[in-house]
Structures are given as C-alpha cells and as structure tokens.
C-alpha cells in the first residue's frame, strides 16, 4: 500500500506551489503525486534568486516551471529570467557595435534575434579577413539597417569589395595600357627623371620634355633628334614617348628603323597563316601597325643597310617613303633619331622624305650648339 503523506509534508508542498505561482486548491493525492517535481521547481526558483552569475553564463541557465490548468499540474522547462534580460542586453550591445544606436524595443529584439546574431558574426568575420584578391568579390556579408523604426536585414557584397574591384580595375587598365606600348625591355625604364644631365644636354632635355608636356596629336608635330652617338638621343626620345603614353594614354611604338625593316622583310616571307599568328601585331599587317600607331619612335634612321653603291636599296627607300608619307598625311606624330645631320636624309631616302620630315618634326641638336627653340618653325 502507498504511504499516506503527512499533513505537514502536504502543507509544505502547497506552500511551495504558492511560491511558484500556483494558488489553486488541489487534492492532496495530486500534490503528493507531483512532490518530487514541485520540490525541483521550487529549488530551481530559490537558486535563481540567489544566482550571481555574470550575464553571458546566465544565457545557458534553465529551470523547471509549473502551472495549473483544468485542475491539473503541468511542469515544463523555462529560460532563466536573468538569461532573458542579459540576452536582450547582449543584443543591444551588438546593435551598437553594428552602428545602430536607435532605441529598439524588446519585442523587436526577440523577433530579429537571429538576424542580429548573423550580422554581428558577419561583421567580425569581415574585420578579421585579410583577403586582397578577387575572392573578396564573391564574399556576401549580412548587414543590418534601421529604417522607419524597424530593423531590416540585407545581404550584400563585402564592404572591401569596392576597393578591391577598383584596384583590380586599375591594374587591368595598366596592363591594357602596357599592351598598347611596344618597346624593348631595355628602354622601358627610360624617363626624364633618370636622364643624366651633362653638358648642354640639359637644354635638349628641357625642349623634349616641353614637347611631351604640351602634347597635341591634332598638330601632328613630332621631333627629330640628331647629334653624335652617345649623347642620350634615344633616352630622351623614349622618355618623351613614355611621358605621353602614361599621361595621355596614347598607344606608342618604339623601334630601330633597321630592325623594323628586317622584321618587315621577314614578314613578307611568311604565309598568311603565320602572319596571323604574329605575337606583335596579331592579324594586322606589320607595316599598317607602325604606320597607324598614334605615336611612333624610330631610332637610328641613318643606320639602314646599304647596297654596294652606298645607298639603301630601292625597297628600303620605298618602304620608308610610304611610312613617312602615311604619317605625314594623317598628322601622326613621329620621333626620329639619327647621328648624322638632317641633310643626310636626302641622299638616303630622297628629297620627298626629307621635306615631309622637315614639315612634321621639330629639329633638335642634342649638343645644344645649333637648334631652334621648340615650337618654332623647324629649321636646320
């Protein structure tokens, strides 16, 4: 037979129920039947009142709750009230960290609890991320906003993706710009800044730089630098080309005239399919590529090979004339360099070539002994 509970134990259990918020009068048998659960719930309530846990540990606390419905007792697990308040406080701190300082009520915090947690984790992940490559562009971040008194969750690209995208775009443009530049490796570093000013070379450098600074493809005026070997004509010609290319984005080509003629002669021996695969000009004809480029620098134009009679071949003279004439007629600036005086152009390539170069170029002697001021009428 079951042991009949004493009156004192029943009274104590009823007192515990009252402390737990159950004020209904229940039969002694039912109170006795749930004695263990009532004591557990009561002890949990006492433990909560004396709890001194910090806010974050309280988030994991639960206790046994009890209610009476239709004359029956129901027991359940509930979150510690300290945990609820500390959880809301934690959510408010996270909102502040996310830059949201507006007042948000408790109901909205509970409703957007998961969103706030996701946005806070996303912000921490972004803060510790050190990606600088294209992988950043695929990163999706959770962002939280506050508009019209309500919290709104949005997903978007990583905040740093714009900076990375801009940097990658600048690098792409720089590569494209370099693809528009044809110049041998040795001369890519030639600039006005690293030109050694010796003797009267300072005057030559100043004139060439002025031409580059006041670049205008509408006038179609180029330069002819002449003087003895080793005076820096090639350096200054390349420096001017690089200055115009980098500042104004002008596609440019540098080559030595004898080398260009050799490549052209070799190209004529190729089949159509081989020319199409040419790495330098793709499917464009080599001559057209040089003739039509916005800025062309031809170095050592007086160093072309000559026949037994001391003159360039008729093929060379014809190619040079066609090249110069095309650029002359289309007002495409060209920079020439040569060691001999400009008059040497006449016996080399003919009066027609000389007269065109004289009209389309400013003549500058690199020794500063005999040259016209830049932007005056070209004169020897």
Protein backbone atom coordinates (compact mmCIF):
# COMPACT_ATOMS: atom_id res chain seq x y z
CA UNK A 1 0.00 0.00 0.00
CA UNK A 2 1.30 3.52 -0.76
CA UNK A 3 2.46 5.53 2.17
CA UNK A 4 0.00 8.24 3.10
CA UNK A 5 1.72 11.63 3.20
CA UNK A 6 1.77 13.51 6.46
CA UNK A 7 -0.22 16.69 6.84
CA UNK A 8 2.96 18.67 7.40
CA UNK A 9 4.54 17.49 4.13
CA UNK A 10 1.37 18.30 2.16
CA UNK A 11 1.24 21.76 3.70
CA UNK A 12 4.88 22.35 2.80
CA UNK A 13 4.26 21.30 -0.81
CA UNK A 14 1.24 23.60 -1.01
CA UNK A 15 3.40 26.45 0.29
CA UNK A 16 5.96 25.68 -2.42
CA UNK A 17 3.24 25.74 -5.09
CA UNK A 18 2.08 29.14 -3.87
CA UNK A 19 5.65 30.43 -4.14
CA UNK A 20 5.71 29.04 -7.68
CA UNK A 21 2.53 30.98 -8.54
CA UNK A 22 0.00 28.12 -8.29
CA UNK A 23 -2.80 29.30 -5.99
CA UNK A 24 -5.46 26.72 -6.92
CA UNK A 25 -6.53 24.19 -4.21
CA UNK A 26 -5.59 20.75 -5.45
CA UNK A 27 -6.34 17.33 -3.96
CA UNK A 28 -3.76 16.02 -1.51
CA UNK A 29 -3.20 12.93 -3.69
CA UNK A 30 -2.25 15.04 -6.71
CA UNK A 31 0.06 17.26 -4.65
CA UNK A 32 1.73 14.19 -3.20
CA UNK A 33 1.98 12.54 -6.64
CA UNK A 34 3.98 15.53 -8.01
CA UNK A 35 6.01 16.06 -4.82
CA UNK A 36 9.39 15.50 -6.49
CA UNK A 37 8.68 17.85 -9.42
CA UNK A 38 7.28 20.51 -7.09
CA UNK A 39 10.40 20.38 -4.94
CA UNK A 40 12.65 20.52 -8.04
CA UNK A 41 10.82 23.57 -9.40
CA UNK A 42 10.91 25.27 -6.01
CA UNK A 43 14.63 24.61 -5.52
CA UNK A 44 15.28 25.98 -9.01
CA UNK A 45 13.38 29.15 -8.14
CA UNK A 46 15.40 29.56 -4.94
CA UNK A 47 18.63 29.01 -6.91
CA UNK A 48 17.64 31.73 -9.42
CA UNK A 49 17.03 34.24 -6.65
CA UNK A 50 20.44 33.64 -5.12
CA UNK A 51 22.24 33.34 -8.51
CA UNK A 52 25.12 35.77 -9.03
CA UNK A 53 26.23 34.56 -12.43
CA UNK A 54 27.53 37.03 -14.96
CA UNK A 55 25.31 37.85 -17.90
CA UNK A 56 26.81 35.55 -20.52
CA UNK A 57 26.89 32.37 -18.31
CA UNK A 58 23.24 33.06 -17.40
CA UNK A 59 22.28 32.56 -21.05
CA UNK A 60 22.68 28.80 -20.65
CA UNK A 61 20.55 28.53 -17.48
CA UNK A 62 17.13 26.80 -17.48
CA UNK A 63 14.72 25.89 -14.67
CA UNK A 64 11.55 23.85 -14.11
CA UNK A 65 8.35 25.86 -14.25
CA UNK A 66 4.83 24.78 -13.19
CA UNK A 67 1.29 25.87 -13.96
CA UNK A 68 -2.20 24.65 -13.13
CA UNK A 69 -4.79 24.16 -15.86
CA UNK A 70 -8.18 22.48 -15.52
CA UNK A 71 -7.27 21.25 -12.06
CA UNK A 72 -4.08 19.53 -13.21
CA UNK A 73 -0.42 20.42 -12.73
CA UNK A 74 1.84 20.80 -15.76
CA UNK A 75 5.62 21.04 -15.50
CA UNK A 76 7.93 22.48 -18.17
CA UNK A 77 11.42 23.89 -18.71
CA UNK A 78 11.78 27.65 -18.99
CA UNK A 79 14.66 30.05 -19.58
CA UNK A 80 16.11 31.72 -16.55
CA UNK A 81 14.71 35.30 -16.31
CA UNK A 82 18.25 36.55 -15.74
CA UNK A 83 19.19 34.90 -19.04
CA UNK A 84 16.36 36.67 -20.87
CA UNK A 85 17.38 40.12 -19.63
CA UNK A 86 21.07 39.51 -20.22
CA UNK A 87 20.33 38.16 -23.71
CA UNK A 88 18.44 41.34 -24.60
CA UNK A 89 21.29 43.43 -23.21
CA UNK A 90 23.73 41.42 -25.32
CA UNK A 91 21.62 42.03 -28.43
CA UNK A 92 21.60 45.76 -27.74
CA UNK A 93 25.40 45.77 -27.41
CA UNK A 94 25.68 44.00 -30.76
CA UNK A 95 23.36 46.54 -32.37
CA UNK A 96 25.57 49.35 -31.08
CA UNK A 97 28.64 47.57 -32.46
CA UNK A 98 26.85 47.38 -35.83
CA UNK A 99 26.32 51.15 -35.73
CA UNK A 100 22.63 51.11 -34.79
CA UNK A 101 22.08 53.35 -31.78
CA UNK A 102 18.35 53.93 -32.12
CA UNK A 103 16.05 52.63 -29.40
CA UNK A 104 14.70 49.18 -30.27
CA UNK A 105 12.04 47.60 -28.05
CA UNK A 106 12.37 44.14 -26.52
CA UNK A 107 9.83 42.56 -28.86
CA UNK A 108 11.78 43.70 -31.94
CA UNK A 109 14.99 42.40 -30.42
CA UNK A 110 13.44 38.98 -29.87
CA UNK A 111 11.94 38.98 -33.36
CA UNK A 112 15.26 39.83 -35.05
CA UNK A 113 17.49 37.91 -32.64
CA UNK A 114 18.84 35.58 -35.34
CA UNK A 115 19.36 38.47 -37.80
CA UNK A 116 21.33 40.45 -35.23
CA UNK A 117 23.50 37.45 -34.42
CA UNK A 118 24.15 36.79 -38.13
CA UNK A 119 25.03 40.43 -38.83
CA UNK A 120 27.36 40.59 -35.82
CA UNK A 121 29.16 37.40 -36.84
CA UNK A 122 29.44 38.67 -40.41
CA UNK A 123 30.95 41.96 -39.17
CA UNK A 124 33.51 40.12 -37.02
CA UNK A 125 34.41 37.84 -39.92
CA UNK A 126 34.92 40.84 -42.22
CA UNK A 127 37.06 42.62 -39.61
CA UNK A 128 39.45 39.67 -39.37
CA UNK A 129 39.52 38.97 -43.13
CA UNK A 130 42.75 39.88 -44.93
CA UNK A 131 41.76 38.85 -48.45
CA UNK A 132 43.01 41.22 -51.13
CA UNK A 133 42.40 39.22 -54.30
CA UNK A 134 39.39 38.57 -56.49
CA UNK A 135 37.92 36.11 -53.94
CA UNK A 136 36.68 39.14 -51.97
CA UNK A 137 34.28 39.93 -54.80
CA UNK A 138 32.34 36.73 -54.08
CA UNK A 139 32.04 37.36 -50.33
CA UNK A 140 28.47 38.02 -49.15
CA UNK A 141 28.03 39.96 -45.92
CA UNK A 142 24.94 40.23 -43.73
CA UNK A 143 24.13 43.84 -42.92
CA UNK A 144 21.52 45.22 -40.54
CA UNK A 145 19.81 48.57 -41.02
CA UNK A 146 17.25 50.59 -39.07
CA UNK A 147 14.62 52.45 -41.06
CA UNK A 148 11.17 53.77 -40.14
CA UNK A 149 11.54 52.39 -36.62
CA UNK A 150 12.19 48.82 -37.81
CA UNK A 151 15.20 46.59 -38.24
CA UNK A 152 15.93 45.38 -41.76
CA UNK A 153 18.32 42.60 -42.71
CA UNK A 154 20.17 42.89 -46.03
CA UNK A 155 22.73 40.74 -47.76
CA UNK A 156 25.34 42.37 -49.95
CA UNK A 157 28.94 42.32 -51.11
CA UNK A 158 31.81 42.70 -48.70
CA UNK A 159 32.45 46.41 -47.94
CA UNK A 160 36.05 45.97 -49.12
CA UNK A 161 34.94 44.52 -52.45
CA UNK A 162 34.58 48.02 -53.93
CA UNK A 163 38.16 48.92 -53.01
CA UNK A 164 39.47 45.60 -54.32
CA UNK A 165 37.40 45.97 -57.50
CA UNK A 166 38.77 49.48 -58.07
CA UNK A 167 42.34 48.27 -57.51
CA UNK A 168 41.86 45.32 -59.86
CA UNK A 169 40.34 47.64 -62.47
CA UNK A 170 43.32 49.98 -62.20
CA UNK A 171 45.68 47.04 -62.62
CA UNK A 172 43.69 45.85 -65.64
CA UNK A 173 43.82 49.30 -67.22
CA UNK A 174 47.54 49.47 -66.52
CA UNK A 175 48.03 46.11 -68.25
CA UNK A 176 45.94 47.25 -71.19
CA UNK A 177 47.95 50.44 -71.37
CA UNK A 178 51.18 48.45 -71.39
CA UNK A 179 49.71 46.23 -74.10
CA UNK A 180 49.38 49.40 -76.17
CA UNK A 181 53.07 50.05 -75.73
CA UNK A 182 55.63 48.29 -77.94
CA UNK A 183 59.14 48.84 -76.67
CA UNK A 184 62.12 46.65 -75.89
CA UNK A 185 62.80 45.72 -72.27
CA UNK A 186 65.99 47.77 -72.00
CA UNK A 187 64.27 51.06 -72.70
CA UNK A 188 61.08 50.67 -70.62
CA UNK A 189 62.66 52.42 -67.64
CA UNK A 190 63.90 55.47 -69.54
CA UNK A 191 62.34 58.65 -68.12
CA UNK A 192 63.15 62.33 -67.93
CA UNK A 193 63.70 61.89 -64.20
CA UNK A 194 66.59 59.47 -64.66
CA UNK A 195 68.20 61.24 -67.61
CA UNK A 196 71.72 62.29 -66.71
CA UNK A 197 72.12 65.99 -67.36
CA UNK A 198 75.63 66.53 -68.62
CA UNK A 199 76.99 69.50 -70.52
CA UNK A 200 74.42 71.13 -72.76
CA UNK A 201 72.16 68.08 -72.61
CA UNK A 202 70.03 69.97 -70.05
CA UNK A 203 68.78 72.29 -72.80
CA UNK A 204 67.93 69.37 -75.06
CA UNK A 205 66.12 67.60 -72.22
CA UNK A 206 64.12 70.73 -71.42
CA UNK A 207 62.97 71.13 -75.03
CA UNK A 208 61.99 67.49 -75.46
CA UNK A 209 60.12 67.50 -72.15
CA UNK A 210 58.28 70.65 -73.17
CA UNK A 211 57.13 68.89 -76.32
CA UNK A 212 55.84 65.96 -74.24
CA UNK A 213 54.17 68.20 -71.63
CA UNK A 214 52.34 70.14 -74.33
CA UNK A 215 51.37 67.04 -76.28
CA UNK A 216 48.87 67.56 -79.05
CA UNK A 217 48.06 64.93 -81.63
CA UNK A 218 45.98 67.48 -83.54
CA UNK A 219 49.06 69.32 -84.81
CA UNK A 220 50.78 66.10 -85.73
CA UNK A 221 54.20 67.54 -84.88
CA UNK A 222 56.98 65.21 -83.86
CA UNK A 223 60.71 65.51 -83.19
CA UNK A 224 63.93 64.76 -84.98
CA UNK A 225 66.84 64.44 -82.53
CA UNK A 226 70.25 64.44 -84.16
CA UNK A 227 73.80 64.53 -82.92
CA UNK A 228 76.79 62.37 -82.23
CA UNK A 229 76.34 58.93 -80.76
CA UNK A 230 76.08 58.55 -77.01
CA UNK A 231 74.52 61.92 -76.26
CA UNK A 232 71.24 60.46 -74.96
CA UNK A 233 69.04 60.94 -78.01
CA UNK A 234 67.40 57.54 -77.63
CA UNK A 235 66.89 58.06 -73.90
CA UNK A 236 65.13 61.37 -74.48
CA UNK A 237 63.06 60.01 -77.37
CA UNK A 238 61.84 57.12 -75.20
CA UNK A 239 61.31 59.41 -72.20
CA UNK A 240 59.07 61.63 -74.33
CA UNK A 241 57.16 58.61 -75.60
CA UNK A 242 56.65 57.20 -72.10
CA UNK A 243 55.56 60.58 -70.78
CA UNK A 244 52.90 60.94 -73.47
CA UNK A 245 51.84 57.31 -73.11
CA UNK A 246 51.47 57.40 -69.33
CA UNK A 247 49.93 60.86 -69.00
CA UNK A 248 47.63 60.86 -72.01
CA UNK A 249 47.11 57.13 -72.62
CA UNK A 250 48.49 57.31 -76.15
CA UNK A 251 49.43 53.95 -77.72
CA UNK A 252 53.04 54.07 -78.86
CA UNK A 253 55.71 52.02 -80.60
CA UNK A 254 59.49 52.26 -80.33
CA UNK A 255 61.80 50.53 -82.74
CA UNK A 256 65.11 50.92 -84.51
CA UNK A 257 64.50 51.56 -88.20
CA UNK A 258 66.89 48.81 -89.44
CA UNK A 259 65.21 46.33 -87.07
CA UNK A 260 61.75 47.34 -88.30
CA UNK A 261 62.83 46.86 -91.92
CA UNK A 262 64.29 43.45 -91.10
CA UNK A 263 61.05 42.33 -89.41
CA UNK A 264 59.02 43.68 -92.29
CA UNK A 265 61.18 41.84 -94.81
CA UNK A 266 60.86 38.64 -92.79
CA UNK A 267 57.10 39.14 -92.50
CA UNK A 268 56.71 39.27 -96.26
CA UNK A 269 58.30 35.83 -96.44
CA UNK A 270 55.68 34.40 -94.05
CA UNK A 271 52.49 32.76 -95.16
CA UNK A 272 49.18 34.47 -94.40
CA UNK A 273 48.57 31.99 -91.57
CA UNK A 274 51.95 32.70 -89.99
CA UNK A 275 51.36 36.46 -90.14
CA UNK A 276 48.02 35.97 -88.44
CA UNK A 277 49.79 34.31 -85.50
CA UNK A 278 52.39 37.06 -85.20
CA UNK A 279 52.56 37.86 -81.47
CA UNK A 280 53.35 41.52 -82.05
CA UNK A 281 50.54 42.62 -84.31
CA UNK A 282 48.07 39.74 -84.28
CA UNK A 283 46.20 39.64 -87.57
CA UNK A 284 47.27 43.17 -88.56
CA UNK A 285 49.84 43.84 -91.16
CA UNK A 286 53.13 44.92 -89.59
CA UNK A 287 53.53 47.92 -91.84
CA UNK A 288 50.00 49.17 -91.11
CA UNK A 289 50.59 48.72 -87.43
CA UNK A 290 53.62 51.00 -87.47
CA UNK A 291 52.08 53.43 -89.94
CA UNK A 292 48.86 53.92 -87.95
CA UNK A 293 50.04 53.86 -84.32
CA UNK A 294 49.29 57.28 -82.70
CA UNK A 295 52.91 57.80 -81.65
CA UNK A 296 55.90 56.18 -83.35
CA UNK A 297 59.55 56.45 -82.35
CA UNK A 298 62.08 55.36 -84.97
CA UNK A 299 65.66 55.24 -83.72
CA UNK A 300 68.81 55.42 -85.82
CA UNK A 301 67.13 56.11 -89.14
CA UNK A 302 70.53 56.70 -90.76
CA UNK A 303 71.79 53.21 -89.87
CA UNK A 304 69.94 51.34 -92.61
CA UNK A 305 71.87 48.80 -94.63
CA UNK A 306 73.18 49.98 -97.96
CA UNK A 307 73.90 48.41 -101.27
CA UNK A 308 77.28 48.29 -102.98
CA UNK A 309 76.73 51.79 -104.29
CA UNK A 310 76.48 53.18 -100.76
CA UNK A 311 72.72 53.81 -100.98
CA UNK A 312 69.80 51.95 -99.38
CA UNK A 313 68.01 49.53 -101.68
CA UNK A 314 65.05 50.74 -103.66
CA UNK A 315 62.81 48.57 -101.48
CA UNK A 316 64.08 50.29 -98.33
CA UNK A 317 63.61 53.75 -99.81
CA UNK A 318 60.08 52.89 -100.93
CA UNK A 319 59.08 51.47 -97.53
CA UNK A 320 60.46 54.49 -95.68
CA UNK A 321 58.68 56.88 -98.03
CA UNK A 322 55.34 55.07 -97.68
CA UNK A 323 55.67 55.00 -93.90
CA UNK A 324 56.66 58.66 -93.55
CA UNK A 325 54.11 59.79 -96.12
CA UNK A 326 51.23 57.99 -94.40
CA UNK A 327 52.07 59.52 -91.04
CA UNK A 328 52.61 62.92 -92.65
CA UNK A 329 49.26 62.90 -94.41
CA UNK A 330 47.39 61.68 -91.33
CA UNK A 331 49.21 64.06 -88.97
CA UNK A 332 50.50 61.27 -86.73
CA UNK A 333 53.37 62.49 -84.51
CA UNK A 334 56.68 60.71 -85.03
CA UNK A 335 60.01 60.96 -83.24
CA UNK A 336 63.15 60.22 -85.27
CA UNK A 337 66.74 59.99 -84.05
CA UNK A 338 69.92 59.96 -86.12
CA UNK A 339 73.61 60.64 -85.68
CA UNK A 340 74.15 62.48 -88.97
CA UNK A 341 72.82 65.93 -89.73
CA UNK A 342 69.25 66.03 -91.08
CA UNK A 343 70.57 66.77 -94.58
CA UNK A 344 71.76 63.15 -94.69
CA UNK A 345 68.13 62.12 -95.14
CA UNK A 346 68.15 63.47 -98.71
CA UNK A 347 70.72 61.06 -100.19
CA UNK A 348 69.43 58.20 -98.06
CA UNK A 349 65.69 58.36 -98.70
CA UNK A 350 65.18 61.21 -101.14
CA UNK A 351 64.04 64.81 -101.16
CA UNK A 352 60.38 63.83 -100.67
CA UNK A 353 61.05 62.06 -97.38
CA UNK A 354 63.28 64.87 -96.15
CA UNK A 355 60.74 67.60 -96.94
CA UNK A 356 57.95 65.73 -95.17
CA UNK A 357 60.05 65.10 -92.06
CA UNK A 358 61.12 68.76 -92.07
CA UNK A 359 57.47 69.82 -92.02
CA UNK A 360 56.22 67.27 -89.48
CA UNK A 361 59.08 67.45 -86.94
CA UNK A 362 60.94 69.96 -84.80
CA UNK A 363 64.69 69.51 -85.39
CA UNK A 364 66.77 69.47 -82.19
CA UNK A 365 70.51 69.00 -81.92
CA UNK A 366 71.42 67.16 -78.79
CA UNK A 367 74.62 69.14 -78.18
CA UNK A 368 72.72 72.43 -77.91
CA UNK A 369 75.10 74.14 -80.32
CA UNK A 370 72.69 74.74 -83.16
CA UNK A 371 68.97 74.14 -82.74
CA UNK A 372 65.80 76.21 -82.91
CA UNK A 373 63.68 76.81 -79.88
CA UNK A 374 60.93 74.26 -79.58
CA UNK A 375 57.61 75.15 -81.28
CA UNK A 376 59.32 77.49 -83.72
CA UNK A 377 59.49 76.72 -87.43
CA UNK A 378 61.69 73.66 -87.97
CA UNK A 379 64.98 74.65 -89.42
CA UNK A 380 68.36 73.08 -89.87
